[in-house]
Amino acid sequence: MRGFIRRAWLAASVLLAGGSGVLACEIDLFKRTGAIPASMVQQGQTHAAYANLTRRYSHGVLGDALEPETLLVEGPNAGFCDSEITLDTSHIFEDVAPRLVDLNHDEVLEIVTVRSHINKGAQIAVYGFEDRGELSDLKLLATTPYIGRKNRWLAPIGAADLDGDGHIEIAYIDRPHLAKTLRVWRFKSGKLTEVANQKGLTNHRIGEDFISGGIRDCGTGPEMITVDSNWQKIVATRFDGKRLMTEPLGGFTGQNALQAALNCRSN
């Protein structure tokens, strides 16, 4: 059973500046809706988590047939207390945790998720707040295309301005057990556009309830850390705005070696 299914409750208080004055909010959305605690992420005073497990999509790529259908967000960034989205019955979040990223540099965090359609497979889905109003609603802002078949998944690497052009890119491995293809999508003017791809890389094995690797910056710009398609070598990949360049960092001997690479240490 996936580790993050264990239930726990979160309650807190924050002061939110919004509208004509200061609004005091009791943050108990997670307690009220039953968030999956191990999926909770935090950046500043903003929290996000998944909730409400369902069995309607029995892919089980992350270790079981239970997947969340609700995204919860709490925090002061847009002058809101809490917000949530529950997907329709054709979708689930096939993911380990949401990712909080300011994709458009407006000081309001967007939420990057993996959303799967029961017949069309996975896609990146970005949620956020379209205005700073006190009653701003959480909305679907942008998506990548569905992979195109049920039980086909993607595993995020992370998001960063990979080429230094001022726009944030979202990187993921398309079908880490089959196609093993790194894809990079740029978020610009509210849309996602694919700008590069590279075969022969992966970051997940079937049944694992975590995604390996991520993005690091060891002082010379961001690099995507994955492994090669055979799980033999740790690989760093850079994007210069036009092409992807890979460099082997050493043998893959386990998660400690990957963590060392992410921390800019040799294994």
C-alpha atoms as a PDB file:
ATOM      1  CA  MET A   1       0.000   0.000   0.000  1.00  0.00           C
ATOM      2  CA  ARG A   2       1.401   3.359  -0.968  1.00  0.00           C
ATOM      3  CA  GLY A   3       2.967   5.126   2.002  1.00  0.00           C
ATOM      4  CA  PHE A   4       1.157   8.402   1.514  1.00  0.00           C
ATOM      5  CA  ILE A   5      -2.267   6.825   2.085  1.00  0.00           C
ATOM      6  CA  ARG A   6      -1.780   7.029   5.845  1.00  0.00           C
ATOM      7  CA  ARG A   7      -4.099   9.741   7.182  1.00  0.00           C
ATOM      8  CA  ALA A   8      -3.129  12.617   9.452  1.00  0.00           C
ATOM      9  CA  TRP A   9      -4.592  16.008  10.144  1.00  0.00           C
ATOM     10  CA  LEU A  10      -3.215  19.513   9.805  1.00  0.00           C
ATOM     11  CA  ALA A  11      -4.540  22.674  11.415  1.00  0.00           C
ATOM     12  CA  ALA A  12      -2.918  26.096  11.441  1.00  0.00           C
ATOM     13  CA  SER A  13      -3.656  29.809  11.313  1.00  0.00           C
ATOM     14  CA  VAL A  14      -2.380  32.568   9.086  1.00  0.00           C
ATOM     15  CA  LEU A  15      -3.159  36.217   8.470  1.00  0.00           C
ATOM     16  CA  LEU A  16      -4.024  37.006   4.890  1.00  0.00           C
ATOM     17  CA  ALA A  17      -3.831  40.495   3.451  1.00  0.00           C
ATOM     18  CA  GLY A  18      -6.745  40.888   1.093  1.00  0.00           C
ATOM     19  CA  GLY A  19      -9.521  43.219   0.027  1.00  0.00           C
ATOM     20  CA  SER A  20      -9.926  46.187   2.307  1.00  0.00           C
ATOM     21  CA  GLY A  21      -8.073  44.829   5.293  1.00  0.00           C
ATOM     22  CA  VAL A  22      -6.458  41.858   6.995  1.00  0.00           C
ATOM     23  CA  LEU A  23      -8.410  38.632   6.934  1.00  0.00           C
ATOM     24  CA  ALA A  24      -7.764  36.000   9.619  1.00  0.00           C
ATOM     25  CA  CYS A  25      -8.198  32.434   8.348  1.00  0.00           C
ATOM     26  CA  GLU A  26      -8.213  29.163  10.202  1.00  0.00           C
ATOM     27  CA  ILE A  27      -6.472  26.663   7.924  1.00  0.00           C
ATOM     28  CA  ASP A  28      -8.313  23.385   8.476  1.00  0.00           C
ATOM     29  CA  LEU A  29      -9.096  22.382   4.901  1.00  0.00           C
ATOM     30  CA  PHE A  30      -6.813  19.365   5.178  1.00  0.00           C
ATOM     31  CA  LYS A  31      -8.583  18.174   8.294  1.00  0.00           C
ATOM     32  CA  ARG A  32     -12.016  18.825   6.830  1.00  0.00           C
ATOM     33  CA  THR A  33     -11.420  17.004   3.548  1.00  0.00           C
ATOM     34  CA  GLY A  34      -8.945  14.301   4.545  1.00  0.00           C
ATOM     35  CA  ALA A  35      -5.781  15.234   2.678  1.00  0.00           C
ATOM     36  CA  ILE A  36      -3.157  12.591   1.982  1.00  0.00           C
ATOM     37  CA  PRO A  37      -0.442  13.923   4.320  1.00  0.00           C
ATOM     38  CA  ALA A  38       2.623  12.582   2.531  1.00  0.00           C
ATOM     39  CA  SER A  39       1.479  14.411  -0.614  1.00  0.00           C
ATOM     40  CA  MET A  40       1.478  17.784   1.154  1.00  0.00           C
ATOM     41  CA  VAL A  41       4.026  20.335  -0.042  1.00  0.00           C
ATOM     42  CA  GLN A  42       4.760  23.814   1.276  1.00  0.00           C
ATOM     43  CA  GLN A  43       6.449  26.906  -0.096  1.00  0.00           C
ATOM     44  CA  GLY A  44       6.334  29.951   2.131  1.00  0.00           C
ATOM     45  CA  GLN A  45       2.843  30.060   3.606  1.00  0.00           C
ATOM     46  CA  THR A  46       1.272  28.156   0.732  1.00  0.00           C
ATOM     47  CA  HIS A  47       0.375  24.484   1.118  1.00  0.00           C
ATOM     48  CA  ALA A  48      -0.942  22.023  -1.449  1.00  0.00           C
ATOM     49  CA  ALA A  49      -1.957  18.382  -1.190  1.00  0.00           C
ATOM     50  CA  TYR A  50      -4.045  15.679  -2.802  1.00  0.00           C
ATOM     51  CA  ALA A  51      -7.154  14.179  -1.187  1.00  0.00           C
ATOM     52  CA  ASN A  52     -10.071  11.793  -1.678  1.00  0.00           C
ATOM     53  CA  LEU A  53      -8.758   8.486  -2.947  1.00  0.00           C
ATOM     54  CA  THR A  54     -10.655   6.590  -5.639  1.00  0.00           C
ATOM     55  CA  ARG A  55     -10.317   3.183  -7.329  1.00  0.00           C
ATOM     56  CA  ARG A  56     -11.736   4.219 -10.708  1.00  0.00           C
ATOM     57  CA  TYR A  57      -8.333   4.025 -12.447  1.00  0.00           C
ATOM     58  CA  SER A  58      -6.601   0.736 -11.726  1.00  0.00           C
ATOM     59  CA  HIS A  59      -3.243   1.432 -13.388  1.00  0.00           C
ATOM     60  CA  GLY A  60      -1.294   0.978 -10.152  1.00  0.00           C
ATOM     61  CA  VAL A  61       1.977   2.369 -11.508  1.00  0.00           C
ATOM     62  CA  LEU A  62       2.774   3.954  -8.113  1.00  0.00           C
ATOM     63  CA  GLY A  63       2.191   0.759  -6.174  1.00  0.00           C
ATOM     64  CA  ASP A  64      -1.570   0.443  -5.730  1.00  0.00           C
ATOM     65  CA  ALA A  65      -4.897   1.112  -7.441  1.00  0.00           C
ATOM     66  CA  LEU A  66      -5.849   4.100  -5.268  1.00  0.00           C
ATOM     67  CA  GLU A  67      -5.433   7.581  -6.731  1.00  0.00           C
ATOM     68  CA  PRO A  68      -6.597  11.005  -5.478  1.00  0.00           C
ATOM     69  CA  GLU A  69      -9.292  13.014  -7.242  1.00  0.00           C
ATOM     70  CA  THR A  70      -8.990  16.317  -5.335  1.00  0.00           C
ATOM     71  CA  LEU A  71      -6.342  19.055  -5.232  1.00  0.00           C
ATOM     72  CA  LEU A  72      -6.250  21.241  -2.122  1.00  0.00           C
ATOM     73  CA  VAL A  73      -4.435  24.595  -1.864  1.00  0.00           C
ATOM     74  CA  GLU A  74      -4.129  26.937   1.126  1.00  0.00           C
ATOM     75  CA  GLY A  75      -2.106  30.107   1.522  1.00  0.00           C
ATOM     76  CA  PRO A  76      -1.870  33.880   1.260  1.00  0.00           C
ATOM     77  CA  ASN A  77      -0.415  34.345  -2.211  1.00  0.00           C
ATOM     78  CA  ALA A  78      -3.601  35.407  -3.979  1.00  0.00           C
ATOM     79  CA  GLY A  79      -5.477  36.663  -0.942  1.00  0.00           C
ATOM     80  CA  PHE A  80      -7.388  33.424  -0.443  1.00  0.00           C
ATOM     81  CA  CYS A  81      -7.941  31.174   2.557  1.00  0.00           C
ATOM     82  CA  ASP A  82      -8.351  27.820   0.882  1.00  0.00           C
ATOM     83  CA  SER A  83      -9.398  26.366  -2.426  1.00  0.00           C
ATOM     84  CA  GLU A  84      -9.962  22.947  -3.914  1.00  0.00           C
ATOM     85  CA  ILE A  85     -10.719  21.222  -7.210  1.00  0.00           C
ATOM     86  CA  THR A  86     -12.265  17.764  -7.538  1.00  0.00           C
ATOM     87  CA  LEU A  87     -11.865  16.147 -10.942  1.00  0.00           C
ATOM     88  CA  ASP A  88     -14.694  14.711 -13.007  1.00  0.00           C
ATOM     89  CA  THR A  89     -15.109  10.940 -13.117  1.00  0.00           C
ATOM     90  CA  SER A  90     -12.934  10.626 -16.248  1.00  0.00           C
ATOM     91  CA  HIS A  91      -9.808  11.889 -14.446  1.00  0.00           C
ATOM     92  CA  ILE A  92      -7.589  11.273 -11.416  1.00  0.00           C
ATOM     93  CA  PHE A  93      -4.320  12.745 -10.160  1.00  0.00           C
ATOM     94  CA  GLU A  94      -1.751  10.009 -10.851  1.00  0.00           C
ATOM     95  CA  ASP A  95       0.989  11.646  -8.834  1.00  0.00           C
ATOM     96  CA  VAL A  96       2.994  11.564  -5.612  1.00  0.00           C
ATOM     97  CA  ALA A  97       2.623  15.267  -4.696  1.00  0.00           C
ATOM     98  CA  PRO A  98       1.713  18.610  -6.273  1.00  0.00           C
ATOM     99  CA  ARG A  99       4.542  21.035  -7.151  1.00  0.00           C
ATOM    100  CA  LEU A 100       4.395  24.737  -6.210  1.00  0.00           C
ATOM    101  CA  VAL A 101       6.099  26.937  -8.822  1.00  0.00           C
ATOM    102  CA  ASP A 102       5.759  30.612  -9.790  1.00  0.00           C
ATOM    103  CA  LEU A 103       5.579  29.909 -13.502  1.00  0.00           C
ATOM    104  CA  ASN A 104       4.885  33.461 -14.693  1.00  0.00           C
ATOM    105  CA  HIS A 105       6.892  35.496 -12.145  1.00  0.00           C
ATOM    106  CA  ASP A 106       3.830  37.256 -10.694  1.00  0.00           C
ATOM    107  CA  GLU A 107       4.600  36.190  -7.082  1.00  0.00           C
ATOM    108  CA  VAL A 108       1.572  33.893  -7.063  1.00  0.00           C
ATOM    109  CA  LEU A 109       2.395  30.192  -7.049  1.00  0.00           C
ATOM    110  CA  GLU A 110       0.974  27.840  -9.647  1.00  0.00           C
ATOM    111  CA  ILE A 111       0.432  24.137  -8.952  1.00  0.00           C
ATOM    112  CA  VAL A 112       1.929  21.577 -11.364  1.00  0.00           C
ATOM    113  CA  THR A 113       0.268  18.155 -11.276  1.00  0.00           C
ATOM    114  CA  VAL A 114       0.048  14.880 -13.183  1.00  0.00           C
ATOM    115  CA  ARG A 115      -3.537  14.336 -14.268  1.00  0.00           C
ATOM    116  CA  SER A 116      -4.614  11.114 -16.000  1.00  0.00           C
ATOM    117  CA  HIS A 117      -7.673  10.405 -18.134  1.00  0.00           C
ATOM    118  CA  ILE A 118      -9.095   6.901 -17.762  1.00  0.00           C
ATOM    119  CA  ASN A 119      -8.907   6.335 -21.550  1.00  0.00           C
ATOM    120  CA  LYS A 120      -6.216   8.775 -22.749  1.00  0.00           C
ATOM    121  CA  GLY A 121      -3.456   8.443 -20.151  1.00  0.00           C
ATOM    122  CA  ALA A 122      -1.435  11.111 -18.369  1.00  0.00           C
ATOM    123  CA  GLN A 123      -0.696  14.782 -18.972  1.00  0.00           C
ATOM    124  CA  ILE A 124       0.842  17.700 -17.092  1.00  0.00           C
ATOM    125  CA  ALA A 125      -1.952  19.912 -15.706  1.00  0.00           C
ATOM    126  CA  VAL A 126      -1.184  23.364 -14.266  1.00  0.00           C
ATOM    127  CA  TYR A 127      -3.638  24.950 -11.826  1.00  0.00           C
ATOM    128  CA  GLY A 128      -3.568  28.469 -10.451  1.00  0.00           C
ATOM    129  CA  PHE A 129      -5.361  31.697  -9.646  1.00  0.00           C
ATOM    130  CA  GLU A 130      -6.221  34.041 -12.478  1.00  0.00           C
ATOM    131  CA  ASP A 131      -6.421  37.155 -10.319  1.00  0.00           C
ATOM    132  CA  ARG A 132      -5.382  38.373  -6.882  1.00  0.00           C
ATOM    133  CA  GLY A 133      -8.898  38.977  -5.662  1.00  0.00           C
ATOM    134  CA  GLU A 134      -9.978  37.756  -2.267  1.00  0.00           C
ATOM    135  CA  LEU A 135     -12.461  35.371  -3.905  1.00  0.00           C
ATOM    136  CA  SER A 136     -10.101  34.153  -6.606  1.00  0.00           C
ATOM    137  CA  ASP A 137     -10.906  30.573  -7.625  1.00  0.00           C
ATOM    138  CA  LEU A 138      -8.476  27.777  -8.368  1.00  0.00           C
ATOM    139  CA  LYS A 139      -8.596  27.058 -12.116  1.00  0.00           C
ATOM    140  CA  LEU A 140      -7.007  24.807 -14.719  1.00  0.00           C
ATOM    141  CA  LEU A 141      -4.563  27.115 -16.550  1.00  0.00           C
ATOM    142  CA  ALA A 142      -2.662  24.908 -19.012  1.00  0.00           C
ATOM    143  CA  THR A 143      -2.008  21.281 -19.961  1.00  0.00           C
ATOM    144  CA  THR A 144       0.227  19.194 -22.150  1.00  0.00           C
ATOM    145  CA  PRO A 145      -1.554  16.760 -24.500  1.00  0.00           C
ATOM    146  CA  TYR A 146      -2.611  13.399 -23.123  1.00  0.00           C
ATOM    147  CA  ILE A 147      -0.149  10.636 -23.934  1.00  0.00           C
ATOM    148  CA  GLY A 148      -3.021   9.064 -25.860  1.00  0.00           C
ATOM    149  CA  ARG A 149      -3.696   5.641 -24.310  1.00  0.00           C
ATOM    150  CA  LYS A 150      -4.958   4.481 -20.929  1.00  0.00           C
ATOM    151  CA  ASN A 151      -2.333   3.243 -18.466  1.00  0.00           C
ATOM    152  CA  ARG A 152       0.353   5.440 -20.010  1.00  0.00           C
ATOM    153  CA  TRP A 153       2.060   7.743 -17.516  1.00  0.00           C
ATOM    154  CA  LEU A 154       4.657  10.477 -17.162  1.00  0.00           C
ATOM    155  CA  ALA A 155       6.986  11.257 -14.243  1.00  0.00           C
ATOM    156  CA  PRO A 156       7.908  14.906 -13.547  1.00  0.00           C
ATOM    157  CA  ILE A 157      11.532  15.934 -13.035  1.00  0.00           C
ATOM    158  CA  GLY A 158      10.832  19.508 -11.996  1.00  0.00           C
ATOM    159  CA  ALA A 159      10.436  23.087 -13.172  1.00  0.00           C
ATOM    160  CA  ALA A 160      13.019  25.858 -13.617  1.00  0.00           C
ATOM    161  CA  ASP A 161      14.265  28.435 -16.110  1.00  0.00           C
ATOM    162  CA  LEU A 162      16.493  25.854 -17.735  1.00  0.00           C
ATOM    163  CA  ASP A 163      18.000  28.072 -20.453  1.00  0.00           C
ATOM    164  CA  GLY A 164      18.078  31.459 -18.724  1.00  0.00           C
ATOM    165  CA  ASP A 165      15.588  33.156 -21.069  1.00  0.00           C
ATOM    166  CA  GLY A 166      13.273  34.308 -18.268  1.00  0.00           C
ATOM    167  CA  HIS A 167      10.610  31.661 -18.875  1.00  0.00           C
ATOM    168  CA  ILE A 168      10.064  28.560 -16.740  1.00  0.00           C
ATOM    169  CA  GLU A 169      10.295  25.099 -18.288  1.00  0.00           C
ATOM    170  CA  ILE A 170       8.600  21.971 -16.953  1.00  0.00           C
ATOM    171  CA  ALA A 171      10.542  18.740 -17.519  1.00  0.00           C
ATOM    172  CA  TYR A 172       9.273  15.182 -17.258  1.00  0.00           C
ATOM    173  CA  ILE A 173       9.956  11.655 -18.470  1.00  0.00           C
ATOM    174  CA  ASP A 174       7.329  10.496 -20.944  1.00  0.00           C
ATOM    175  CA  ARG A 175       6.465   6.846 -20.196  1.00  0.00           C
ATOM    176  CA  PRO A 176       9.470   6.112 -17.949  1.00  0.00           C
ATOM    177  CA  HIS A 177       8.965   2.340 -18.349  1.00  0.00           C
ATOM    178  CA  LEU A 178       8.379   2.329 -22.128  1.00  0.00           C
ATOM    179  CA  ALA A 179       9.333   5.379 -24.205  1.00  0.00           C
ATOM    180  CA  LYS A 180      11.876   6.656 -21.618  1.00  0.00           C
ATOM    181  CA  THR A 181      11.900  10.095 -23.218  1.00  0.00           C
ATOM    182  CA  LEU A 182      12.784  13.369 -21.500  1.00  0.00           C
ATOM    183  CA  ARG A 183      10.463  16.177 -22.630  1.00  0.00           C
ATOM    184  CA  VAL A 184      10.817  19.885 -21.840  1.00  0.00           C
ATOM    185  CA  TRP A 185       7.841  22.260 -22.099  1.00  0.00           C
ATOM    186  CA  ARG A 186       8.074  26.047 -21.762  1.00  0.00           C
ATOM    187  CA  PHE A 187       5.335  27.971 -19.935  1.00  0.00           C
ATOM    188  CA  LYS A 188       4.840  31.292 -21.734  1.00  0.00           C
ATOM    189  CA  SER A 189       1.822  33.592 -22.079  1.00  0.00           C
ATOM    190  CA  GLY A 190      -0.298  31.089 -20.179  1.00  0.00           C
ATOM    191  CA  LYS A 191       0.482  28.185 -22.522  1.00  0.00           C
ATOM    192  CA  LEU A 192       2.776  25.164 -22.533  1.00  0.00           C
ATOM    193  CA  THR A 193       4.903  24.523 -25.630  1.00  0.00           C
ATOM    194  CA  GLU A 194       7.309  21.615 -26.098  1.00  0.00           C
ATOM    195  CA  VAL A 195      10.821  22.902 -26.798  1.00  0.00           C
ATOM    196  CA  ALA A 196      13.062  19.806 -26.579  1.00  0.00           C
ATOM    197  CA  ASN A 197      13.099  16.035 -26.075  1.00  0.00           C
ATOM    198  CA  GLN A 198      15.718  13.324 -25.606  1.00  0.00           C
ATOM    199  CA  LYS A 199      15.337   9.536 -25.601  1.00  0.00           C
ATOM    200  CA  GLY A 200      17.175   7.072 -23.381  1.00  0.00           C
ATOM    201  CA  LEU A 201      16.447   8.523 -19.934  1.00  0.00           C
ATOM    202  CA  THR A 202      14.139   7.539 -17.081  1.00  0.00           C
ATOM    203  CA  ASN A 203      13.303   8.325 -13.446  1.00  0.00           C
ATOM    204  CA  HIS A 204      10.811   5.710 -12.234  1.00  0.00           C
ATOM    205  CA  ARG A 205      10.351   1.950 -11.912  1.00  0.00           C
ATOM    206  CA  ILE A 206       6.922   0.308 -11.822  1.00  0.00           C
ATOM    207  CA  GLY A 207       5.545   0.038  -8.292  1.00  0.00           C
ATOM    208  CA  GLU A 208       7.781   2.651  -6.667  1.00  0.00           C
ATOM    209  CA  ASP A 209       5.801   5.262  -4.715  1.00  0.00           C
ATOM    210  CA  PHE A 210       8.391   7.970  -5.453  1.00  0.00           C
ATOM    211  CA  ILE A 211      10.015   9.601  -8.486  1.00  0.00           C
ATOM    212  CA  SER A 212      13.821   9.552  -8.712  1.00  0.00           C
ATOM    213  CA  GLY A 213      16.065  12.507  -9.483  1.00  0.00           C
ATOM    214  CA  GLY A 214      15.097  16.145  -9.942  1.00  0.00           C
ATOM    215  CA  ILE A 215      16.688  19.481 -10.849  1.00  0.00           C
ATOM    216  CA  ARG A 216      19.911  20.808  -9.333  1.00  0.00           C
ATOM    217  CA  ASP A 217      22.050  23.943  -9.741  1.00  0.00           C
ATOM    218  CA  CYS A 218      25.683  23.517  -8.774  1.00  0.00           C
ATOM    219  CA  GLY A 219      26.604  27.071  -9.703  1.00  0.00           C
ATOM    220  CA  THR A 220      26.586  26.852 -13.493  1.00  0.00           C
ATOM    221  CA  GLY A 221      22.837  26.765 -14.114  1.00  0.00           C
ATOM    222  CA  PRO A 222      20.081  24.173 -13.697  1.00  0.00           C
ATOM    223  CA  GLU A 223      20.590  20.540 -14.678  1.00  0.00           C
ATOM    224  CA  MET A 224      18.033  17.735 -14.833  1.00  0.00           C
ATOM    225  CA  ILE A 225      19.164  14.636 -12.937  1.00  0.00           C
ATOM    226  CA  THR A 226      17.833  11.260 -14.112  1.00  0.00           C
ATOM    227  CA  VAL A 227      19.264   7.838 -14.908  1.00  0.00           C
ATOM    228  CA  ASP A 228      19.888   6.152 -18.231  1.00  0.00           C
ATOM    229  CA  SER A 229      17.277   3.790 -19.644  1.00  0.00           C
ATOM    230  CA  ASN A 230      18.988   0.707 -18.148  1.00  0.00           C
ATOM    231  CA  TRP A 231      19.402   2.154 -14.650  1.00  0.00           C
ATOM    232  CA  GLN A 232      23.183   1.860 -14.927  1.00  0.00           C
ATOM    233  CA  LYS A 233      24.302   5.509 -14.878  1.00  0.00           C
ATOM    234  CA  ILE A 234      23.222   8.791 -13.315  1.00  0.00           C
ATOM    235  CA  VAL A 235      22.848  11.419 -16.025  1.00  0.00           C
ATOM    236  CA  ALA A 236      22.838  15.244 -15.926  1.00  0.00           C
ATOM    237  CA  THR A 237      21.024  16.990 -18.771  1.00  0.00           C
ATOM    238  CA  ARG A 238      21.274  20.683 -19.630  1.00  0.00           C
ATOM    239  CA  PHE A 239      19.114  22.737 -21.992  1.00  0.00           C
ATOM    240  CA  ASP A 240      20.646  25.704 -23.845  1.00  0.00           C
ATOM    241  CA  GLY A 241      17.420  26.911 -25.427  1.00  0.00           C
ATOM    242  CA  LYS A 242      17.847  24.809 -28.569  1.00  0.00           C
ATOM    243  CA  ARG A 243      19.104  21.368 -27.624  1.00  0.00           C
ATOM    244  CA  LEU A 244      19.567  18.989 -24.718  1.00  0.00           C
ATOM    245  CA  MET A 245      23.093  17.942 -23.701  1.00  0.00           C
ATOM    246  CA  THR A 246      23.662  14.902 -21.479  1.00  0.00           C
ATOM    247  CA  GLU A 247      26.629  14.036 -19.269  1.00  0.00           C
ATOM    248  CA  PRO A 248      27.078  10.815 -17.253  1.00  0.00           C
ATOM    249  CA  LEU A 249      27.905  11.515 -13.612  1.00  0.00           C
ATOM    250  CA  GLY A 250      28.750   7.996 -12.450  1.00  0.00           C
ATOM    251  CA  GLY A 251      27.136   4.658 -11.788  1.00  0.00           C
ATOM    252  CA  PHE A 252      23.665   4.350 -10.327  1.00  0.00           C
ATOM    253  CA  THR A 253      24.046   2.430  -7.071  1.00  0.00           C
ATOM    254  CA  GLY A 254      20.780   3.479  -5.436  1.00  0.00           C
ATOM    255  CA  GLN A 255      18.857   6.476  -4.182  1.00  0.00           C
ATOM    256  CA  ASN A 256      21.766   7.680  -2.040  1.00  0.00           C
ATOM    257  CA  ALA A 257      23.855   8.118  -5.176  1.00  0.00           C
ATOM    258  CA  LEU A 258      21.073  10.092  -6.841  1.00  0.00           C
ATOM    259  CA  GLN A 259      20.677  12.285  -3.770  1.00  0.00           C
ATOM    260  CA  ALA A 260      24.412  12.928  -3.743  1.00  0.00           C
ATOM    261  CA  ALA A 261      24.205  14.061  -7.354  1.00  0.00           C
ATOM    262  CA  LEU A 262      21.299  16.375  -6.551  1.00  0.00           C
ATOM    263  CA  ASN A 263      23.370  17.815  -3.705  1.00  0.00           C
ATOM    264  CA  CYS A 264      26.285  18.422  -6.114  1.00  0.00           C
ATOM    265  CA  ARG A 265      28.439  15.683  -4.595  1.00  0.00           C
ATOM    266  CA  SER A 266      30.112  12.829  -6.428  1.00  0.00           C
ATOM    267  CA  ASN A 267      29.019   9.337  -5.445  1.00  0.00           C
END
